[in-house]
Amino acid sequence: MVKTAPDYSFETDATARRYSRIVGVDEVGRGPLAGPVTACAVWLDPNRIPDGLNDSKALTEKRRIMLYEQIMEVADVSIASCSVEEIDEINILQASLRAMERAVAGLSVAADYVLVDGNKIPKAFGVDAEAIVKGDARSVSISAASIVAKTWRDSLMVDLAQQHPGYGWEKNAGYGTKLHLDGLRNLGVTPHHRRSFKPVHNILYQDK
């Protein structure tokens, strides 16, 4: 199957159905053992769409940062997170949906239609929405949201790594790599770890 680049067709279809403010939303950070889950909502001006938008995971870090800066210049962007405390309280799926709700609510101009990456639509959007599986590789608005969310969260994890060295967060963004797991065993659990996630939970309660 030939891989195609994301395009503006979902947005065009929504415009044809009389929607005027169509935004893409995506989240990043569901899998890590540490750090928040972060979502981004983006409205793109159809006349100022940066070239080369794609699923953030398909881009090099250098390309992502360059596109991040371009998107922030030309788009209406809102970034929101759910903390580790919220993740532990309501579970990672619900925290991901809540972060997306917050991102959409934080836009400077309210959306009237939301394109959501994945197969679930948060209930509290309060506007019409469409879930698109693998949307970050299909819709440029969702691609832009995925790039901003990942770049922003990766940068946060680099900052947290300076406060808590030894876990490799500057390289693994909080995912459970060997270096991170070794750090957990040798240095213990930080306030930024998700206590409900099994590897962290097991270390917390191994002596009990």
N, C-alpha and C. Protein backbone atom coordinates (compact mmCIF):
# COMPACT_ATOMS: atom_id res chain seq x y z
N MET A 1 0.83 -1.19 0.00
CA MET A 1 0.00 0.00 0.00
C MET A 1 0.88 1.25 0.00
N VAL A 2 0.60 2.19 -0.87
CA VAL A 2 1.38 3.43 -0.96
C VAL A 2 1.00 4.35 0.20
N LYS A 3 2.01 4.82 0.91
CA LYS A 3 1.74 5.76 2.01
C LYS A 3 1.43 7.13 1.45
N THR A 4 0.33 7.70 1.89
CA THR A 4 -0.05 9.04 1.42
C THR A 4 0.16 10.05 2.53
N ALA A 5 0.41 11.27 2.14
CA ALA A 5 0.58 12.33 3.13
C ALA A 5 -0.79 12.83 3.58
N PRO A 6 -0.88 13.37 4.80
CA PRO A 6 -2.16 13.94 5.25
C PRO A 6 -2.56 15.12 4.36
N ASP A 7 -3.86 15.36 4.26
CA ASP A 7 -4.34 16.47 3.43
C ASP A 7 -5.46 17.23 4.15
N TYR A 8 -6.10 18.12 3.42
CA TYR A 8 -7.12 19.00 4.00
C TYR A 8 -8.55 18.51 3.68
N SER A 9 -8.67 17.25 3.24
CA SER A 9 -9.98 16.79 2.74
C SER A 9 -11.04 16.67 3.85
N PHE A 10 -10.65 16.25 5.05
CA PHE A 10 -11.63 16.16 6.15
C PHE A 10 -12.16 17.55 6.51
N GLU A 11 -11.25 18.50 6.49
CA GLU A 11 -11.63 19.89 6.79
C GLU A 11 -12.55 20.44 5.69
N THR A 12 -12.21 20.12 4.43
CA THR A 12 -13.03 20.57 3.30
C THR A 12 -14.44 19.99 3.37
N ASP A 13 -14.51 18.70 3.71
CA ASP A 13 -15.82 18.03 3.85
C ASP A 13 -16.67 18.71 4.94
N ALA A 14 -16.03 19.04 6.05
CA ALA A 14 -16.77 19.70 7.14
C ALA A 14 -17.21 21.10 6.73
N THR A 15 -16.37 21.80 5.99
CA THR A 15 -16.74 23.13 5.50
C THR A 15 -17.96 23.05 4.58
N ALA A 16 -18.01 22.01 3.75
CA ALA A 16 -19.14 21.81 2.84
C ALA A 16 -20.44 21.56 3.61
N ARG A 17 -20.29 21.08 4.86
CA ARG A 17 -21.48 20.85 5.71
C ARG A 17 -21.75 22.06 6.61
N ARG A 18 -21.23 23.23 6.21
CA ARG A 18 -21.53 24.51 6.85
C ARG A 18 -20.82 24.73 8.18
N TYR A 19 -19.79 23.95 8.48
CA TYR A 19 -18.98 24.25 9.66
C TYR A 19 -17.92 25.27 9.26
N SER A 20 -17.58 26.17 10.17
CA SER A 20 -16.66 27.26 9.79
C SER A 20 -15.34 27.25 10.56
N ARG A 21 -15.33 26.66 11.74
CA ARG A 21 -14.09 26.67 12.54
C ARG A 21 -13.75 25.21 12.88
N ILE A 22 -12.98 24.59 12.00
CA ILE A 22 -12.70 23.15 12.11
C ILE A 22 -11.29 22.98 12.67
N VAL A 23 -11.20 22.28 13.80
CA VAL A 23 -9.89 22.10 14.44
C VAL A 23 -9.54 20.62 14.53
N GLY A 24 -8.24 20.36 14.57
CA GLY A 24 -7.73 19.01 14.79
C GLY A 24 -7.21 18.90 16.21
N VAL A 25 -7.38 17.74 16.82
CA VAL A 25 -6.88 17.53 18.19
C VAL A 25 -6.21 16.17 18.29
N ASP A 26 -5.11 16.14 19.02
CA ASP A 26 -4.38 14.88 19.24
C ASP A 26 -3.75 14.95 20.62
N GLU A 27 -3.41 13.78 21.15
CA GLU A 27 -2.73 13.73 22.45
C GLU A 27 -1.46 12.91 22.32
N VAL A 28 -0.55 13.12 23.25
CA VAL A 28 0.70 12.38 23.28
C VAL A 28 1.03 12.06 24.74
N GLY A 29 1.64 10.90 24.95
CA GLY A 29 2.08 10.58 26.31
C GLY A 29 1.17 9.64 27.06
N ARG A 30 0.46 8.79 26.34
CA ARG A 30 -0.37 7.80 27.05
C ARG A 30 0.47 6.67 27.65
N GLY A 31 1.56 6.32 26.97
CA GLY A 31 2.34 5.16 27.37
C GLY A 31 3.44 5.37 28.40
N PRO A 32 3.98 6.58 28.56
CA PRO A 32 5.11 6.76 29.49
C PRO A 32 4.77 6.42 30.94
N LEU A 33 5.83 6.17 31.71
CA LEU A 33 5.68 5.89 33.14
C LEU A 33 5.75 7.18 33.95
N ALA A 34 6.16 8.27 33.29
CA ALA A 34 6.33 9.54 34.01
C ALA A 34 5.87 10.70 33.12
N GLY A 35 5.50 11.79 33.80
CA GLY A 35 5.10 13.00 33.09
C GLY A 35 3.62 13.02 32.77
N PRO A 36 3.11 14.20 32.41
CA PRO A 36 1.69 14.35 32.11
C PRO A 36 1.33 13.75 30.76
N VAL A 37 0.05 13.60 30.51
CA VAL A 37 -0.44 13.34 29.15
C VAL A 37 -0.84 14.70 28.60
N THR A 38 -0.42 14.97 27.36
CA THR A 38 -0.57 16.31 26.79
C THR A 38 -1.38 16.25 25.50
N ALA A 39 -2.29 17.20 25.35
CA ALA A 39 -3.09 17.28 24.12
C ALA A 39 -2.91 18.65 23.50
N CYS A 40 -3.17 18.71 22.21
CA CYS A 40 -3.11 19.98 21.49
C CYS A 40 -4.29 20.07 20.54
N ALA A 41 -4.87 21.25 20.44
CA ALA A 41 -5.90 21.53 19.44
C ALA A 41 -5.37 22.63 18.52
N VAL A 42 -5.58 22.45 17.21
CA VAL A 42 -5.03 23.40 16.23
C VAL A 42 -6.10 23.74 15.19
N TRP A 43 -6.27 25.05 14.97
CA TRP A 43 -7.02 25.53 13.81
C TRP A 43 -6.01 26.07 12.81
N LEU A 44 -6.03 25.52 11.58
CA LEU A 44 -5.13 25.98 10.52
C LEU A 44 -5.87 26.90 9.57
N ASP A 45 -5.24 28.02 9.25
CA ASP A 45 -5.73 28.88 8.17
C ASP A 45 -5.46 28.13 6.86
N PRO A 46 -6.51 27.81 6.07
CA PRO A 46 -6.29 27.02 4.85
C PRO A 46 -5.34 27.67 3.86
N ASN A 47 -5.12 28.98 3.99
CA ASN A 47 -4.19 29.67 3.09
C ASN A 47 -2.76 29.74 3.62
N ARG A 48 -2.57 29.22 4.83
CA ARG A 48 -1.22 29.30 5.44
C ARG A 48 -0.84 27.98 6.11
N ILE A 49 -1.06 26.88 5.41
CA ILE A 49 -0.74 25.56 5.98
C ILE A 49 0.75 25.27 5.74
N PRO A 50 1.53 25.03 6.79
CA PRO A 50 2.96 24.73 6.59
C PRO A 50 3.15 23.47 5.73
N ASP A 51 4.18 23.48 4.91
CA ASP A 51 4.50 22.31 4.09
C ASP A 51 5.11 21.21 4.93
N GLY A 52 4.77 19.96 4.59
CA GLY A 52 5.44 18.81 5.21
C GLY A 52 4.81 18.30 6.49
N LEU A 53 3.57 18.74 6.81
CA LEU A 53 2.90 18.23 8.00
C LEU A 53 2.67 16.73 7.88
N ASN A 54 2.88 16.02 8.99
CA ASN A 54 2.66 14.57 9.00
C ASN A 54 2.55 14.12 10.45
N ASP A 55 2.24 12.84 10.62
CA ASP A 55 2.25 12.23 11.94
C ASP A 55 3.59 12.56 12.60
N SER A 56 3.56 13.08 13.81
CA SER A 56 4.80 13.52 14.47
C SER A 56 5.81 12.38 14.60
N LYS A 57 5.33 11.14 14.72
CA LYS A 57 6.24 10.00 14.88
C LYS A 57 6.99 9.69 13.58
N ALA A 58 6.49 10.21 12.46
CA ALA A 58 7.13 9.95 11.16
C ALA A 58 8.18 11.01 10.82
N LEU A 59 8.36 11.99 11.71
CA LEU A 59 9.27 13.11 11.42
C LEU A 59 10.51 13.03 12.31
N THR A 60 11.62 13.54 11.82
CA THR A 60 12.81 13.66 12.66
C THR A 60 12.57 14.75 13.70
N GLU A 61 13.33 14.73 14.76
CA GLU A 61 13.18 15.74 15.82
C GLU A 61 13.42 17.14 15.25
N LYS A 62 14.45 17.27 14.42
CA LYS A 62 14.78 18.58 13.83
C LYS A 62 13.61 19.12 13.00
N ARG A 63 13.03 18.23 12.17
CA ARG A 63 11.89 18.62 11.32
C ARG A 63 10.67 18.98 12.17
N ARG A 64 10.45 18.20 13.23
CA ARG A 64 9.31 18.47 14.14
C ARG A 64 9.42 19.84 14.76
N ILE A 65 10.61 20.18 15.25
CA ILE A 65 10.81 21.47 15.92
C ILE A 65 10.59 22.61 14.93
N MET A 66 11.08 22.43 13.70
CA MET A 66 10.91 23.46 12.67
C MET A 66 9.42 23.67 12.36
N LEU A 67 8.69 22.55 12.21
CA LEU A 67 7.26 22.65 11.92
C LEU A 67 6.50 23.21 13.12
N TYR A 68 6.90 22.83 14.32
CA TYR A 68 6.29 23.37 15.54
C TYR A 68 6.33 24.90 15.52
N GLU A 69 7.51 25.44 15.20
CA GLU A 69 7.66 26.90 15.18
C GLU A 69 6.78 27.53 14.11
N GLN A 70 6.70 26.88 12.94
CA GLN A 70 5.85 27.40 11.86
C GLN A 70 4.37 27.37 12.25
N ILE A 71 3.94 26.27 12.85
CA ILE A 71 2.54 26.13 13.27
C ILE A 71 2.19 27.20 14.29
N MET A 72 3.07 27.41 15.27
CA MET A 72 2.80 28.40 16.32
C MET A 72 2.67 29.81 15.74
N GLU A 73 3.34 30.06 14.62
CA GLU A 73 3.28 31.38 13.98
C GLU A 73 1.97 31.62 13.25
N VAL A 74 1.43 30.57 12.60
CA VAL A 74 0.32 30.79 11.66
C VAL A 74 -1.02 30.25 12.11
N ALA A 75 -1.06 29.47 13.20
CA ALA A 75 -2.29 28.77 13.58
C ALA A 75 -2.81 29.25 14.93
N ASP A 76 -4.08 28.93 15.21
CA ASP A 76 -4.63 29.09 16.56
C ASP A 76 -4.36 27.77 17.28
N VAL A 77 -3.53 27.83 18.33
CA VAL A 77 -3.04 26.62 18.99
C VAL A 77 -3.37 26.68 20.48
N SER A 78 -3.83 25.56 21.01
CA SER A 78 -4.06 25.43 22.45
C SER A 78 -3.47 24.11 22.94
N ILE A 79 -2.62 24.19 23.97
CA ILE A 79 -1.97 23.01 24.55
C ILE A 79 -2.49 22.83 25.97
N ALA A 80 -2.83 21.60 26.34
CA ALA A 80 -3.33 21.32 27.69
C ALA A 80 -2.83 19.95 28.13
N SER A 81 -2.75 19.78 29.44
CA SER A 81 -2.25 18.50 29.98
C SER A 81 -3.15 18.00 31.09
N CYS A 82 -2.98 16.72 31.40
CA CYS A 82 -3.52 16.13 32.63
C CYS A 82 -2.33 15.64 33.44
N SER A 83 -2.31 16.00 34.70
CA SER A 83 -1.17 15.70 35.57
C SER A 83 -1.10 14.21 35.93
N VAL A 84 0.03 13.81 36.49
CA VAL A 84 0.17 12.41 36.93
C VAL A 84 -0.86 12.08 38.01
N GLU A 85 -1.18 13.08 38.86
CA GLU A 85 -2.19 12.83 39.90
C GLU A 85 -3.55 12.51 39.28
N GLU A 86 -3.91 13.27 38.24
CA GLU A 86 -5.18 13.00 37.56
C GLU A 86 -5.15 11.65 36.85
N ILE A 87 -4.03 11.34 36.21
CA ILE A 87 -3.89 10.04 35.53
C ILE A 87 -4.11 8.91 36.53
N ASP A 88 -3.48 9.02 37.71
CA ASP A 88 -3.61 7.96 38.72
C ASP A 88 -5.03 7.90 39.27
N GLU A 89 -5.71 9.04 39.29
CA GLU A 89 -7.06 9.08 39.87
C GLU A 89 -8.13 8.56 38.90
N ILE A 90 -8.05 8.95 37.61
CA ILE A 90 -9.17 8.64 36.70
C ILE A 90 -8.80 7.66 35.59
N ASN A 91 -7.56 7.24 35.49
CA ASN A 91 -6.95 6.33 34.52
C ASN A 91 -6.50 7.09 33.27
N ILE A 92 -5.57 6.49 32.55
CA ILE A 92 -4.90 7.19 31.46
C ILE A 92 -5.84 7.50 30.29
N LEU A 93 -6.77 6.61 30.00
CA LEU A 93 -7.70 6.89 28.89
C LEU A 93 -8.54 8.13 29.20
N GLN A 94 -9.14 8.15 30.40
CA GLN A 94 -9.98 9.30 30.77
C GLN A 94 -9.16 10.58 30.86
N ALA A 95 -7.91 10.47 31.34
CA ALA A 95 -7.04 11.65 31.42
C ALA A 95 -6.69 12.17 30.03
N SER A 96 -6.50 11.25 29.07
CA SER A 96 -6.21 11.66 27.68
C SER A 96 -7.39 12.43 27.11
N LEU A 97 -8.60 11.93 27.34
CA LEU A 97 -9.81 12.58 26.84
C LEU A 97 -10.00 13.95 27.50
N ARG A 98 -9.70 14.01 28.81
CA ARG A 98 -9.84 15.28 29.54
C ARG A 98 -8.84 16.31 29.02
N ALA A 99 -7.62 15.89 28.72
CA ALA A 99 -6.62 16.81 28.18
C ALA A 99 -7.07 17.36 26.83
N MET A 100 -7.69 16.48 26.00
CA MET A 100 -8.19 16.95 24.70
C MET A 100 -9.33 17.95 24.89
N GLU A 101 -10.21 17.69 25.84
CA GLU A 101 -11.30 18.63 26.13
C GLU A 101 -10.73 19.99 26.52
N ARG A 102 -9.73 19.98 27.38
CA ARG A 102 -9.12 21.23 27.83
C ARG A 102 -8.46 21.98 26.67
N ALA A 103 -7.80 21.22 25.78
CA ALA A 103 -7.12 21.86 24.65
C ALA A 103 -8.13 22.55 23.74
N VAL A 104 -9.23 21.88 23.44
CA VAL A 104 -10.25 22.48 22.57
C VAL A 104 -10.88 23.70 23.26
N ALA A 105 -11.12 23.59 24.55
CA ALA A 105 -11.73 24.71 25.30
C ALA A 105 -10.80 25.92 25.36
N GLY A 106 -9.49 25.69 25.22
CA GLY A 106 -8.53 26.77 25.37
C GLY A 106 -8.23 27.56 24.11
N LEU A 107 -8.83 27.19 22.98
CA LEU A 107 -8.58 27.92 21.73
C LEU A 107 -9.08 29.37 21.84
N SER A 108 -8.41 30.29 21.15
CA SER A 108 -8.80 31.70 21.27
C SER A 108 -10.13 31.98 20.58
N VAL A 109 -10.45 31.19 19.53
CA VAL A 109 -11.76 31.26 18.89
C VAL A 109 -12.38 29.87 18.98
N ALA A 110 -13.61 29.79 19.45
CA ALA A 110 -14.24 28.48 19.69
C ALA A 110 -14.40 27.69 18.40
N ALA A 111 -14.14 26.40 18.49
CA ALA A 111 -14.35 25.49 17.36
C ALA A 111 -15.83 25.17 17.22
N ASP A 112 -16.28 24.90 15.99
CA ASP A 112 -17.63 24.35 15.84
C ASP A 112 -17.60 22.92 15.28
N TYR A 113 -16.38 22.42 14.96
CA TYR A 113 -16.25 21.03 14.53
C TYR A 113 -14.84 20.57 14.88
N VAL A 114 -14.73 19.36 15.46
CA VAL A 114 -13.43 18.87 15.90
C VAL A 114 -13.11 17.54 15.23
N LEU A 115 -11.91 17.47 14.66
CA LEU A 115 -11.39 16.21 14.11
C LEU A 115 -10.46 15.62 15.16
N VAL A 116 -10.80 14.43 15.65
CA VAL A 116 -10.09 13.82 16.77
C VAL A 116 -9.29 12.62 16.28
N ASP A 117 -8.01 12.57 16.65
CA ASP A 117 -7.23 11.38 16.32
C ASP A 117 -7.68 10.20 17.18
N GLY A 118 -7.88 9.05 16.54
CA GLY A 118 -8.26 7.85 17.30
C GLY A 118 -9.69 7.44 17.04
N ASN A 119 -10.26 6.72 18.01
CA ASN A 119 -11.62 6.19 17.82
C ASN A 119 -12.59 6.60 18.92
N LYS A 120 -12.16 7.56 19.77
CA LYS A 120 -13.05 8.02 20.85
C LYS A 120 -13.17 9.54 20.81
N ILE A 121 -14.39 10.02 21.03
CA ILE A 121 -14.63 11.47 21.07
C ILE A 121 -14.96 11.86 22.52
N PRO A 122 -14.19 12.77 23.10
CA PRO A 122 -14.50 13.23 24.46
C PRO A 122 -15.92 13.81 24.52
N LYS A 123 -16.64 13.45 25.58
CA LYS A 123 -18.05 13.86 25.70
C LYS A 123 -18.20 15.37 25.90
N ALA A 124 -17.22 15.99 26.53
CA ALA A 124 -17.40 17.38 26.97
C ALA A 124 -16.96 18.42 25.93
N PHE A 125 -16.70 18.01 24.70
CA PHE A 125 -16.36 19.01 23.68
C PHE A 125 -17.46 20.05 23.55
N GLY A 126 -18.71 19.58 23.56
CA GLY A 126 -19.84 20.49 23.41
C GLY A 126 -20.07 20.95 21.98
N VAL A 127 -19.31 20.39 21.02
CA VAL A 127 -19.51 20.69 19.60
C VAL A 127 -19.46 19.39 18.82
N ASP A 128 -19.89 19.43 17.56
CA ASP A 128 -19.85 18.24 16.72
C ASP A 128 -18.40 17.83 16.48
N ALA A 129 -18.19 16.53 16.37
CA ALA A 129 -16.82 16.03 16.23
C ALA A 129 -16.82 14.73 15.44
N GLU A 130 -15.66 14.38 14.95
CA GLU A 130 -15.47 13.17 14.15
C GLU A 130 -14.17 12.51 14.58
N ALA A 131 -14.24 11.22 14.91
CA ALA A 131 -13.03 10.47 15.27
C ALA A 131 -12.42 9.87 14.00
N ILE A 132 -11.12 10.03 13.83
CA ILE A 132 -10.43 9.53 12.64
C ILE A 132 -9.26 8.65 13.08
N VAL A 133 -9.38 7.34 12.82
CA VAL A 133 -8.31 6.41 13.16
C VAL A 133 -7.08 6.74 12.31
N LYS A 134 -5.93 6.80 12.98
CA LYS A 134 -4.67 7.23 12.33
C LYS A 134 -4.82 8.63 11.70
N GLY A 135 -5.61 9.46 12.37
CA GLY A 135 -5.88 10.80 11.86
C GLY A 135 -4.65 11.67 11.74
N ASP A 136 -3.62 11.39 12.57
CA ASP A 136 -2.41 12.22 12.50
C ASP A 136 -1.65 12.02 11.19
N ALA A 137 -1.97 10.94 10.46
CA ALA A 137 -1.35 10.72 9.15
C ALA A 137 -2.33 10.98 8.00
N ARG A 138 -3.53 11.50 8.34
CA ARG A 138 -4.57 11.68 7.32
C ARG A 138 -5.09 13.11 7.22
N SER A 139 -5.14 13.81 8.35
CA SER A 139 -5.65 15.19 8.38
C SER A 139 -4.52 16.13 8.78
N VAL A 140 -4.31 17.19 8.00
CA VAL A 140 -3.22 18.12 8.34
C VAL A 140 -3.47 18.83 9.68
N SER A 141 -4.73 19.07 10.02
CA SER A 141 -5.02 19.72 11.31
C SER A 141 -4.61 18.83 12.47
N ILE A 142 -4.89 17.52 12.35
CA ILE A 142 -4.49 16.59 13.41
C ILE A 142 -2.98 16.40 13.39
N SER A 143 -2.38 16.35 12.19
CA SER A 143 -0.90 16.27 12.11
C SER A 143 -0.26 17.42 12.86
N ALA A 144 -0.77 18.63 12.62
CA ALA A 144 -0.23 19.82 13.29
C ALA A 144 -0.37 19.69 14.81
N ALA A 145 -1.54 19.19 15.25
CA ALA A 145 -1.76 19.00 16.69
C ALA A 145 -0.79 17.98 17.27
N SER A 146 -0.53 16.91 16.52
CA SER A 146 0.38 15.86 17.02
C SER A 146 1.80 16.39 17.12
N ILE A 147 2.21 17.22 16.15
CA ILE A 147 3.57 17.79 16.15
C ILE A 147 3.75 18.72 17.35
N VAL A 148 2.77 19.59 17.56
CA VAL A 148 2.87 20.55 18.68
C VAL A 148 2.85 19.81 20.01
N ALA A 149 1.94 18.87 20.18
CA ALA A 149 1.83 18.15 21.45
C ALA A 149 3.12 17.41 21.77
N LYS A 150 3.67 16.70 20.79
CA LYS A 150 4.89 15.91 21.04
C LYS A 150 6.08 16.82 21.32
N THR A 151 6.25 17.87 20.52
CA THR A 151 7.39 18.77 20.71
C THR A 151 7.33 19.44 22.08
N TRP A 152 6.13 19.89 22.45
CA TRP A 152 5.95 20.57 23.75
C TRP A 152 6.24 19.60 24.90
N ARG A 153 5.69 18.38 24.80
CA ARG A 153 5.87 17.42 25.90
C ARG A 153 7.32 16.93 25.99
N ASP A 154 7.95 16.69 24.85
CA ASP A 154 9.36 16.27 24.86
C ASP A 154 10.23 17.32 25.54
N SER A 155 9.95 18.60 25.25
CA SER A 155 10.70 19.69 25.86
C SER A 155 10.50 19.73 27.37
N LEU A 156 9.25 19.52 27.80
CA LEU A 156 8.95 19.45 29.24
C LEU A 156 9.75 18.34 29.91
N MET A 157 9.81 17.17 29.26
CA MET A 157 10.51 16.02 29.86
C MET A 157 12.02 16.27 29.92
N VAL A 158 12.56 17.04 28.97
CA VAL A 158 13.98 17.43 29.05
C VAL A 158 14.21 18.31 30.28
N ASP A 159 13.28 19.25 30.52
CA ASP A 159 13.38 20.11 31.71
C ASP A 159 13.30 19.28 32.99
N LEU A 160 12.35 18.34 33.05
CA LEU A 160 12.19 17.51 34.24
C LEU A 160 13.40 16.60 34.45
N ALA A 161 14.05 16.19 33.34
CA ALA A 161 15.24 15.34 33.44
C ALA A 161 16.39 16.06 34.14
N GLN A 162 16.44 17.39 33.99
CA GLN A 162 17.50 18.15 34.66
C GLN A 162 17.27 18.19 36.17
N GLN A 163 15.99 18.16 36.56
CA GLN A 163 15.65 18.15 37.99
C GLN A 163 15.80 16.75 38.59
N HIS A 164 15.60 15.73 37.74
CA HIS A 164 15.66 14.33 38.21
C HIS A 164 16.54 13.51 37.27
N PRO A 165 17.87 13.71 37.34
CA PRO A 165 18.74 12.96 36.44
C PRO A 165 18.78 11.47 36.79
N GLY A 166 19.15 10.67 35.80
CA GLY A 166 19.32 9.24 36.05
C GLY A 166 18.23 8.36 35.48
N TYR A 167 17.14 8.98 34.97
CA TYR A 167 16.04 8.20 34.39
C TYR A 167 16.03 8.27 32.86
N GLY A 168 16.84 9.18 32.31
CA GLY A 168 16.93 9.29 30.85
C GLY A 168 15.74 9.96 30.19
N TRP A 169 15.02 10.78 30.95
CA TRP A 169 13.81 11.39 30.37
C TRP A 169 14.12 12.29 29.19
N GLU A 170 15.35 12.85 29.17
CA GLU A 170 15.71 13.72 28.04
C GLU A 170 15.79 12.92 26.73
N LYS A 171 15.95 11.60 26.85
CA LYS A 171 16.01 10.75 25.65
C LYS A 171 14.73 9.94 25.46
N ASN A 172 14.13 9.47 26.56
CA ASN A 172 13.00 8.53 26.44
C ASN A 172 11.63 9.17 26.70
N ALA A 173 11.61 10.47 27.03
CA ALA A 173 10.37 11.22 27.27
C ALA A 173 9.46 10.55 28.32
N GLY A 174 10.08 9.76 29.20
CA GLY A 174 9.31 9.11 30.26
C GLY A 174 8.85 7.71 29.95
N TYR A 175 9.11 7.23 28.73
CA TYR A 175 8.74 5.85 28.39
C TYR A 175 9.64 4.87 29.15
N GLY A 176 9.17 3.62 29.26
CA GLY A 176 9.83 2.63 30.10
C GLY A 176 11.01 1.93 29.44
N THR A 177 12.02 2.71 29.05
CA THR A 177 13.24 2.11 28.49
C THR A 177 14.05 1.44 29.59
N LYS A 178 15.09 0.72 29.19
CA LYS A 178 15.96 0.05 30.18
C LYS A 178 16.57 1.07 31.13
N LEU A 179 17.06 2.19 30.58
CA LEU A 179 17.66 3.23 31.42
C LEU A 179 16.66 3.76 32.44
N HIS A 180 15.42 3.97 32.00
CA HIS A 180 14.38 4.49 32.90
C HIS A 180 14.08 3.47 34.00
N LEU A 181 13.92 2.21 33.61
CA LEU A 181 13.60 1.17 34.59
C LEU A 181 14.76 0.97 35.57
N ASP A 182 16.01 1.04 35.06
CA ASP A 182 17.17 0.95 35.95
C ASP A 182 17.16 2.11 36.95
N GLY A 183 16.83 3.31 36.44
CA GLY A 183 16.75 4.48 37.31
C GLY A 183 15.69 4.31 38.39
N LEU A 184 14.55 3.76 38.00
CA LEU A 184 13.47 3.52 38.97
C LEU A 184 13.94 2.59 40.09
N ARG A 185 14.63 1.51 39.68
CA ARG A 185 15.09 0.53 40.68
C ARG A 185 16.18 1.12 41.58
N ASN A 186 17.08 1.93 41.00
CA ASN A 186 18.23 2.42 41.75
C ASN A 186 17.95 3.71 42.51
N LEU A 187 17.11 4.57 41.95
CA LEU A 187 16.89 5.90 42.52
C LEU A 187 15.51 6.05 43.17
N GLY A 188 14.59 5.15 42.82
CA GLY A 188 13.25 5.22 43.38
C GLY A 188 12.29 6.04 42.54
N VAL A 189 11.13 6.29 43.10
CA VAL A 189 10.02 6.92 42.40
C VAL A 189 10.02 8.43 42.67
N THR A 190 9.84 9.23 41.63
CA THR A 190 9.78 10.70 41.77
C THR A 190 8.32 11.15 41.83
N PRO A 191 8.07 12.42 42.16
CA PRO A 191 6.69 12.93 42.13
C PRO A 191 6.10 12.95 40.72
N HIS A 192 6.94 12.80 39.70
CA HIS A 192 6.44 12.84 38.31
C HIS A 192 6.12 11.45 37.76
N HIS A 193 6.28 10.41 38.58
CA HIS A 193 5.96 9.06 38.11
C HIS A 193 4.47 8.75 38.31
N ARG A 194 3.94 7.95 37.40
CA ARG A 194 2.53 7.54 37.46
C ARG A 194 2.44 6.29 38.33
N ARG A 195 1.92 6.48 39.52
CA ARG A 195 1.92 5.39 40.50
C ARG A 195 0.98 4.25 40.13
N SER A 196 0.01 4.52 39.26
CA SER A 196 -0.93 3.47 38.86
C SER A 196 -0.37 2.58 37.75
N PHE A 197 0.78 2.98 37.16
CA PHE A 197 1.38 2.17 36.10
C PHE A 197 2.21 1.06 36.73
N LYS A 198 2.08 -0.14 36.18
CA LYS A 198 2.57 -1.35 36.84
C LYS A 198 4.05 -1.31 37.26
N PRO A 199 4.98 -0.92 36.38
CA PRO A 199 6.39 -0.93 36.82
C PRO A 199 6.65 0.00 38.00
N VAL A 200 5.96 1.14 38.04
CA VAL A 200 6.11 2.09 39.15
C VAL A 200 5.44 1.53 40.40
N HIS A 201 4.23 1.04 40.24
CA HIS A 201 3.46 0.44 41.34
C HIS A 201 4.25 -0.69 41.99
N ASN A 202 4.84 -1.54 41.15
CA ASN A 202 5.59 -2.70 41.66
C ASN A 202 6.79 -2.27 42.51
N ILE A 203 7.48 -1.21 42.07
CA ILE A 203 8.64 -0.73 42.84
C ILE A 203 8.19 -0.09 44.14
N LEU A 204 7.09 0.64 44.11
CA LEU A 204 6.56 1.27 45.33
C LEU A 204 6.19 0.24 46.39
N TYR A 205 5.66 -0.89 45.92
CA TYR A 205 5.09 -1.86 46.88
C TYR A 205 5.90 -3.14 46.99
N GLN A 206 7.13 -3.14 46.45
CA GLN A 206 7.90 -4.40 46.45
C GLN A 206 8.30 -4.81 47.86
N ASP A 207 8.43 -3.83 48.76
CA ASP A 207 8.87 -4.17 50.13
C ASP A 207 7.70 -4.44 51.08
N LYS A 208 6.47 -4.29 50.53
CA LYS A 208 5.30 -4.40 51.43
C LYS A 208 4.69 -5.78 51.32
